[in-house]
All heavy atoms as atom14 arrays in JSON, in Angstrom:
{
  "sequence": "VRGPGGTLFLDEIGEMPVDMQVSLLRVLQEQ",
  "atom14_mask": [
    [1, 1, 1, 1, 1, 1, 1, 0, 0, 0, 0, 0, 0, 0],
    [1, 1, 1, 1, 1, 1, 1, 1, 1, 1, 1, 0, 0, 0],
    [1, 1, 1, 1, 0, 0, 0, 0, 0, 0, 0, 0, 0, 0],
    [1, 1, 1, 1, 1, 1, 1, 0, 0, 0, 0, 0, 0, 0],
    [1, 1, 1, 1, 0, 0, 0, 0, 0, 0, 0, 0, 0, 0],
    [1, 1, 1, 1, 0, 0, 0, 0, 0, 0, 0, 0, 0, 0],
    [1, 1, 1, 1, 1, 1, 1, 0, 0, 0, 0, 0, 0, 0],
    [1, 1, 1, 1, 1, 1, 1, 1, 0, 0, 0, 0, 0, 0],
    [1, 1, 1, 1, 1, 1, 1, 1, 1, 1, 1, 0, 0, 0],
    [1, 1, 1, 1, 1, 1, 1, 1, 0, 0, 0, 0, 0, 0],
    [1, 1, 1, 1, 1, 1, 1, 1, 0, 0, 0, 0, 0, 0],
    [1, 1, 1, 1, 1, 1, 1, 1, 1, 0, 0, 0, 0, 0],
    [1, 1, 1, 1, 1, 1, 1, 1, 0, 0, 0, 0, 0, 0],
    [1, 1, 1, 1, 0, 0, 0, 0, 0, 0, 0, 0, 0, 0],
    [1, 1, 1, 1, 1, 1, 1, 1, 1, 0, 0, 0, 0, 0],
    [1, 1, 1, 1, 1, 1, 1, 1, 0, 0, 0, 0, 0, 0],
    [1, 1, 1, 1, 1, 1, 1, 0, 0, 0, 0, 0, 0, 0],
    [1, 1, 1, 1, 1, 1, 1, 0, 0, 0, 0, 0, 0, 0],
    [1, 1, 1, 1, 1, 1, 1, 1, 0, 0, 0, 0, 0, 0],
    [1, 1, 1, 1, 1, 1, 1, 1, 0, 0, 0, 0, 0, 0],
    [1, 1, 1, 1, 1, 1, 1, 1, 1, 0, 0, 0, 0, 0],
    [1, 1, 1, 1, 1, 1, 1, 0, 0, 0, 0, 0, 0, 0],
    [1, 1, 1, 1, 1, 1, 0, 0, 0, 0, 0, 0, 0, 0],
    [1, 1, 1, 1, 1, 1, 1, 1, 0, 0, 0, 0, 0, 0],
    [1, 1, 1, 1, 1, 1, 1, 1, 0, 0, 0, 0, 0, 0],
    [1, 1, 1, 1, 1, 1, 1, 1, 1, 1, 1, 0, 0, 0],
    [1, 1, 1, 1, 1, 1, 1, 0, 0, 0, 0, 0, 0, 0],
    [1, 1, 1, 1, 1, 1, 1, 1, 0, 0, 0, 0, 0, 0],
    [1, 1, 1, 1, 1, 1, 1, 1, 1, 0, 0, 0, 0, 0],
    [1, 1, 1, 1, 1, 1, 1, 1, 1, 0, 0, 0, 0, 0],
    [1, 1, 1, 1, 1, 1, 1, 1, 1, 0, 0, 0, 0, 0]
  ],
  "atom14_positions": [
    [[0.45, 15.74, -25.99], [-0.61, 16.24, -26.86], [-0.19, 17.39, -27.74], [-0.94, 17.81, -28.59], [-1.86, 16.64, -26.04], [-2.41, 15.47, -25.28], [-1.57, 17.8, -25.12], [0.0, 0.0, 0.0], [0.0, 0.0, 0.0], [0.0, 0.0, 0.0], [0.0, 0.0, 0.0], [0.0, 0.0, 0.0], [0.0, 0.0, 0.0], [0.0, 0.0, 0.0]],
    [[0.97, 17.92, -27.57], [1.36, 19.1, -28.33], [2.13, 18.77, -29.59], [2.48, 19.63, -30.34], [2.17, 20.06, -27.46], [1.43, 20.5, -26.24], [0.08, 21.05, -26.62], [-0.69, 21.29, -25.42], [-1.93, 21.7, -25.43], [-2.58, 21.88, -26.54], [-2.56, 21.9, -24.3], [0.0, 0.0, 0.0], [0.0, 0.0, 0.0], [0.0, 0.0, 0.0]],
    [[2.39, 17.55, -29.83], [3.12, 17.17, -31.03], [2.18, 16.6, -32.05], [0.99, 16.57, -31.83], [0.0, 0.0, 0.0], [0.0, 0.0, 0.0], [0.0, 0.0, 0.0], [0.0, 0.0, 0.0], [0.0, 0.0, 0.0], [0.0, 0.0, 0.0], [0.0, 0.0, 0.0], [0.0, 0.0, 0.0], [0.0, 0.0, 0.0], [0.0, 0.0, 0.0]],
    [[2.63, 16.13, -33.16], [4.04, 16.25, -33.51], [4.38, 17.69, -33.91], [3.53, 18.42, -34.37], [4.2, 15.3, -34.68], [2.85, 15.23, -35.3], [1.86, 15.41, -34.17], [0.0, 0.0, 0.0], [0.0, 0.0, 0.0], [0.0, 0.0, 0.0], [0.0, 0.0, 0.0], [0.0, 0.0, 0.0], [0.0, 0.0, 0.0], [0.0, 0.0, 0.0]],
    [[5.59, 18.04, -33.67], [6.06, 19.35, -34.08], [5.76, 20.47, -33.11], [5.91, 21.63, -33.46], [0.0, 0.0, 0.0], [0.0, 0.0, 0.0], [0.0, 0.0, 0.0], [0.0, 0.0, 0.0], [0.0, 0.0, 0.0], [0.0, 0.0, 0.0], [0.0, 0.0, 0.0], [0.0, 0.0, 0.0], [0.0, 0.0, 0.0], [0.0, 0.0, 0.0]],
    [[5.36, 20.15, -31.9], [5.06, 21.18, -30.91], [6.3, 21.65, -30.18], [7.38, 21.09, -30.3], [0.0, 0.0, 0.0], [0.0, 0.0, 0.0], [0.0, 0.0, 0.0], [0.0, 0.0, 0.0], [0.0, 0.0, 0.0], [0.0, 0.0, 0.0], [0.0, 0.0, 0.0], [0.0, 0.0, 0.0], [0.0, 0.0, 0.0], [0.0, 0.0, 0.0]],
    [[6.12, 22.72, -29.41], [7.18, 23.27, -28.58], [6.67, 23.37, -27.15], [5.59, 23.91, -26.92], [7.62, 24.66, -29.07], [8.12, 24.54, -30.4], [8.7, 25.25, -28.17], [0.0, 0.0, 0.0], [0.0, 0.0, 0.0], [0.0, 0.0, 0.0], [0.0, 0.0, 0.0], [0.0, 0.0, 0.0], [0.0, 0.0, 0.0], [0.0, 0.0, 0.0]],
    [[7.43, 22.84, -26.22], [7.1, 22.9, -24.8], [8.1, 23.82, -24.13], [9.3, 23.55, -24.15], [7.15, 21.51, -24.19], [6.86, 21.41, -22.7], [5.44, 21.87, -22.39], [7.08, 19.99, -22.22], [0.0, 0.0, 0.0], [0.0, 0.0, 0.0], [0.0, 0.0, 0.0], [0.0, 0.0, 0.0], [0.0, 0.0, 0.0], [0.0, 0.0, 0.0]],
    [[7.62, 24.92, -23.57], [8.47, 25.87, -22.87], [8.34, 25.64, -21.38], [7.27, 25.8, -20.8], [8.07, 27.3, -23.22], [8.81, 28.36, -22.44], [10.19, 28.33, -22.33], [8.13, 29.39, -21.83], [10.87, 29.3, -21.61], [8.79, 30.37, -21.12], [10.17, 30.33, -21.01], [0.0, 0.0, 0.0], [0.0, 0.0, 0.0], [0.0, 0.0, 0.0]],
    [[9.42, 25.2, -20.75], [9.45, 24.94, -19.31], [10.07, 26.16, -18.63], [11.29, 26.3, -18.56], [10.25, 23.68, -19.01], [9.69, 22.4, -19.63], [10.62, 21.23, -19.38], [8.3, 22.12, -19.11], [0.0, 0.0, 0.0], [0.0, 0.0, 0.0], [0.0, 0.0, 0.0], [0.0, 0.0, 0.0], [0.0, 0.0, 0.0], [0.0, 0.0, 0.0]],
    [[9.21, 27.03, -18.14], [9.65, 28.24, -17.46], [9.99, 27.91, -16.01], [9.34, 27.06, -15.39], [8.54, 29.29, -17.53], [9.04, 30.68, -17.2], [10.27, 30.89, -17.17], [8.19, 31.56, -16.98], [0.0, 0.0, 0.0], [0.0, 0.0, 0.0], [0.0, 0.0, 0.0], [0.0, 0.0, 0.0], [0.0, 0.0, 0.0], [0.0, 0.0, 0.0]],
    [[10.99, 28.55, -15.49], [11.46, 28.34, -14.1], [11.81, 26.86, -13.84], [11.46, 26.29, -12.82], [10.42, 28.84, -13.09], [10.18, 30.33, -13.15], [11.46, 31.16, -12.96], [12.42, 30.68, -12.34], [11.48, 32.29, -13.46], [0.0, 0.0, 0.0], [0.0, 0.0, 0.0], [0.0, 0.0, 0.0], [0.0, 0.0, 0.0], [0.0, 0.0, 0.0]],
    [[12.54, 26.27, -14.78], [12.93, 24.87, -14.63], [13.83, 24.65, -13.42], [13.9, 23.56, -12.88], [13.57, 24.32, -15.92], [13.6, 22.79, -15.87], [14.95, 24.93, -16.14], [13.87, 22.13, -17.17], [0.0, 0.0, 0.0], [0.0, 0.0, 0.0], [0.0, 0.0, 0.0], [0.0, 0.0, 0.0], [0.0, 0.0, 0.0], [0.0, 0.0, 0.0]],
    [[14.5, 25.71, -12.96], [15.33, 25.6, -11.76], [14.53, 25.28, -10.51], [15.07, 24.83, -9.51], [0.0, 0.0, 0.0], [0.0, 0.0, 0.0], [0.0, 0.0, 0.0], [0.0, 0.0, 0.0], [0.0, 0.0, 0.0], [0.0, 0.0, 0.0], [0.0, 0.0, 0.0], [0.0, 0.0, 0.0], [0.0, 0.0, 0.0], [0.0, 0.0, 0.0]],
    [[13.22, 25.46, -10.57], [12.32, 25.15, -9.45], [11.82, 23.71, -9.49], [11.17, 23.26, -8.56], [11.12, 26.09, -9.47], [11.45, 27.56, -9.39], [11.93, 27.97, -8.01], [11.51, 27.34, -7.02], [12.75, 28.9, -7.95], [0.0, 0.0, 0.0], [0.0, 0.0, 0.0], [0.0, 0.0, 0.0], [0.0, 0.0, 0.0], [0.0, 0.0, 0.0]],
    [[12.11, 23.0, -10.58], [11.6, 21.63, -10.72], [12.27, 20.71, -9.71], [13.5, 20.69, -9.6], [11.86, 21.12, -12.14], [11.31, 19.74, -12.41], [11.64, 19.17, -14.1], [10.33, 20.01, -14.96], [0.0, 0.0, 0.0], [0.0, 0.0, 0.0], [0.0, 0.0, 0.0], [0.0, 0.0, 0.0], [0.0, 0.0, 0.0], [0.0, 0.0, 0.0]],
    [[11.48, 19.92, -8.97], [12.07, 18.97, -8.01], [13.0, 17.98, -8.71], [12.77, 17.62, -9.87], [10.86, 18.25, -7.43], [9.69, 19.15, -7.7], [10.02, 19.88, -8.96], [0.0, 0.0, 0.0], [0.0, 0.0, 0.0], [0.0, 0.0, 0.0], [0.0, 0.0, 0.0], [0.0, 0.0, 0.0], [0.0, 0.0, 0.0], [0.0, 0.0, 0.0]],
    [[14.03, 17.55, -8.01], [15.05, 16.67, -8.59], [14.43, 15.38, -9.12], [14.81, 14.91, -10.2], [16.18, 16.38, -7.58], [17.16, 15.36, -8.13], [16.9, 17.67, -7.22], [0.0, 0.0, 0.0], [0.0, 0.0, 0.0], [0.0, 0.0, 0.0], [0.0, 0.0, 0.0], [0.0, 0.0, 0.0], [0.0, 0.0, 0.0], [0.0, 0.0, 0.0]],
    [[13.47, 14.79, -8.41], [12.88, 13.54, -8.9], [12.11, 13.76, -10.21], [12.07, 12.89, -11.07], [12.01, 12.87, -7.84], [10.87, 13.76, -7.35], [11.0, 14.99, -7.38], [9.85, 13.2, -6.92], [0.0, 0.0, 0.0], [0.0, 0.0, 0.0], [0.0, 0.0, 0.0], [0.0, 0.0, 0.0], [0.0, 0.0, 0.0], [0.0, 0.0, 0.0]],
    [[11.54, 14.92, -10.41], [10.89, 15.24, -11.68], [11.92, 15.47, -12.77], [11.68, 15.17, -13.94], [10.01, 16.48, -11.54], [8.71, 16.23, -10.83], [7.67, 15.05, -11.7], [7.58, 15.79, -13.31], [0.0, 0.0, 0.0], [0.0, 0.0, 0.0], [0.0, 0.0, 0.0], [0.0, 0.0, 0.0], [0.0, 0.0, 0.0], [0.0, 0.0, 0.0]],
    [[13.09, 15.99, -12.39], [14.16, 16.18, -13.36], [14.59, 14.84, -13.95], [14.88, 14.74, -15.14], [15.36, 16.88, -12.71], [15.08, 18.3, -12.3], [16.25, 18.91, -11.56], [17.4, 18.56, -11.81], [15.96, 19.82, -10.65], [0.0, 0.0, 0.0], [0.0, 0.0, 0.0], [0.0, 0.0, 0.0], [0.0, 0.0, 0.0], [0.0, 0.0, 0.0]],
    [[14.6, 13.81, -13.12], [14.95, 12.46, -13.59], [13.95, 12.0, -14.64], [14.33, 11.48, -15.69], [15.0, 11.46, -12.41], [15.18, 10.05, -12.9], [16.08, 11.85, -11.43], [0.0, 0.0, 0.0], [0.0, 0.0, 0.0], [0.0, 0.0, 0.0], [0.0, 0.0, 0.0], [0.0, 0.0, 0.0], [0.0, 0.0, 0.0], [0.0, 0.0, 0.0]],
    [[12.67, 12.21, -14.38], [11.63, 11.81, -15.34], [11.76, 12.59, -16.64], [11.64, 12.02, -17.72], [10.24, 12.03, -14.74], [10.07, 11.25, -13.59], [0.0, 0.0, 0.0], [0.0, 0.0, 0.0], [0.0, 0.0, 0.0], [0.0, 0.0, 0.0], [0.0, 0.0, 0.0], [0.0, 0.0, 0.0], [0.0, 0.0, 0.0], [0.0, 0.0, 0.0]],
    [[12.0, 13.88, -16.55], [12.16, 14.69, -17.75], [13.4, 14.26, -18.53], [13.37, 14.19, -19.77], [12.24, 16.18, -17.38], [12.43, 17.13, -18.55], [11.28, 17.03, -19.55], [12.57, 18.56, -18.03], [0.0, 0.0, 0.0], [0.0, 0.0, 0.0], [0.0, 0.0, 0.0], [0.0, 0.0, 0.0], [0.0, 0.0, 0.0], [0.0, 0.0, 0.0]],
    [[14.49, 13.97, -17.84], [15.71, 13.51, -18.49], [15.43, 12.24, -19.29], [15.86, 12.11, -20.44], [16.81, 13.27, -17.46], [18.13, 12.76, -18.0], [18.76, 13.75, -18.96], [19.08, 12.47, -16.85], [0.0, 0.0, 0.0], [0.0, 0.0, 0.0], [0.0, 0.0, 0.0], [0.0, 0.0, 0.0], [0.0, 0.0, 0.0], [0.0, 0.0, 0.0]],
    [[14.68, 11.32, -18.72], [14.34, 10.07, -19.41], [13.56, 10.36, -20.69], [13.83, 9.78, -21.74], [13.54, 9.17, -18.47], [12.91, 7.95, -19.09], [13.88, 6.92, -19.47], [14.72, 6.59, -18.36], [15.38, 5.47, -18.23], [15.26, 4.56, -19.16], [16.16, 5.26, -17.22], [0.0, 0.0, 0.0], [0.0, 0.0, 0.0], [0.0, 0.0, 0.0]],
    [[12.6, 11.26, -20.59], [11.8, 11.63, -21.77], [12.69, 12.2, -22.86], [12.57, 11.84, -24.03], [10.68, 12.63, -21.38], [10.04, 13.25, -22.61], [9.63, 11.94, -20.52], [0.0, 0.0, 0.0], [0.0, 0.0, 0.0], [0.0, 0.0, 0.0], [0.0, 0.0, 0.0], [0.0, 0.0, 0.0], [0.0, 0.0, 0.0], [0.0, 0.0, 0.0]],
    [[13.6, 13.09, -22.49], [14.48, 13.71, -23.48], [15.43, 12.69, -24.1], [15.7, 12.74, -25.3], [15.27, 14.85, -22.85], [14.43, 16.04, -22.37], [15.31, 17.05, -21.64], [13.68, 16.69, -23.5], [0.0, 0.0, 0.0], [0.0, 0.0, 0.0], [0.0, 0.0, 0.0], [0.0, 0.0, 0.0], [0.0, 0.0, 0.0], [0.0, 0.0, 0.0]],
    [[15.96, 11.78, -23.3], [16.9, 10.78, -23.81], [16.22, 9.77, -24.71], [16.74, 9.41, -25.77], [17.57, 10.04, -22.64], [18.59, 10.84, -21.94], [19.25, 10.12, -20.77], [20.09, 10.7, -20.14], [18.89, 8.91, -20.44], [0.0, 0.0, 0.0], [0.0, 0.0, 0.0], [0.0, 0.0, 0.0], [0.0, 0.0, 0.0], [0.0, 0.0, 0.0]],
    [[15.06, 9.28, -24.29], [14.37, 8.22, -25.02], [13.49, 8.76, -26.15], [13.05, 7.99, -27.0], [13.5, 7.4, -24.07], [14.26, 6.78, -22.92], [15.28, 5.77, -23.38], [15.01, 5.05, -24.37], [16.35, 5.69, -22.75], [0.0, 0.0, 0.0], [0.0, 0.0, 0.0], [0.0, 0.0, 0.0], [0.0, 0.0, 0.0], [0.0, 0.0, 0.0]],
    [[13.21, 10.06, -26.13], [12.3, 10.69, -27.08], [10.95, 9.97, -27.1], [10.34, 9.76, -28.16], [12.91, 10.77, -28.47], [14.14, 11.66, -28.49], [14.73, 11.79, -29.87], [14.35, 11.11, -30.81], [15.68, 12.69, -29.99], [0.0, 0.0, 0.0], [0.0, 0.0, 0.0], [0.0, 0.0, 0.0], [0.0, 0.0, 0.0], [0.0, 0.0, 0.0]]
  ]
}
């Protein structure tokens, strides 16, 4: 909902569970 042209700031990403990291990686790769 923040686009087009939005910015998403993920604070404390080091706390993100590994399985969620996989989902985020897919979003970034596939756009």
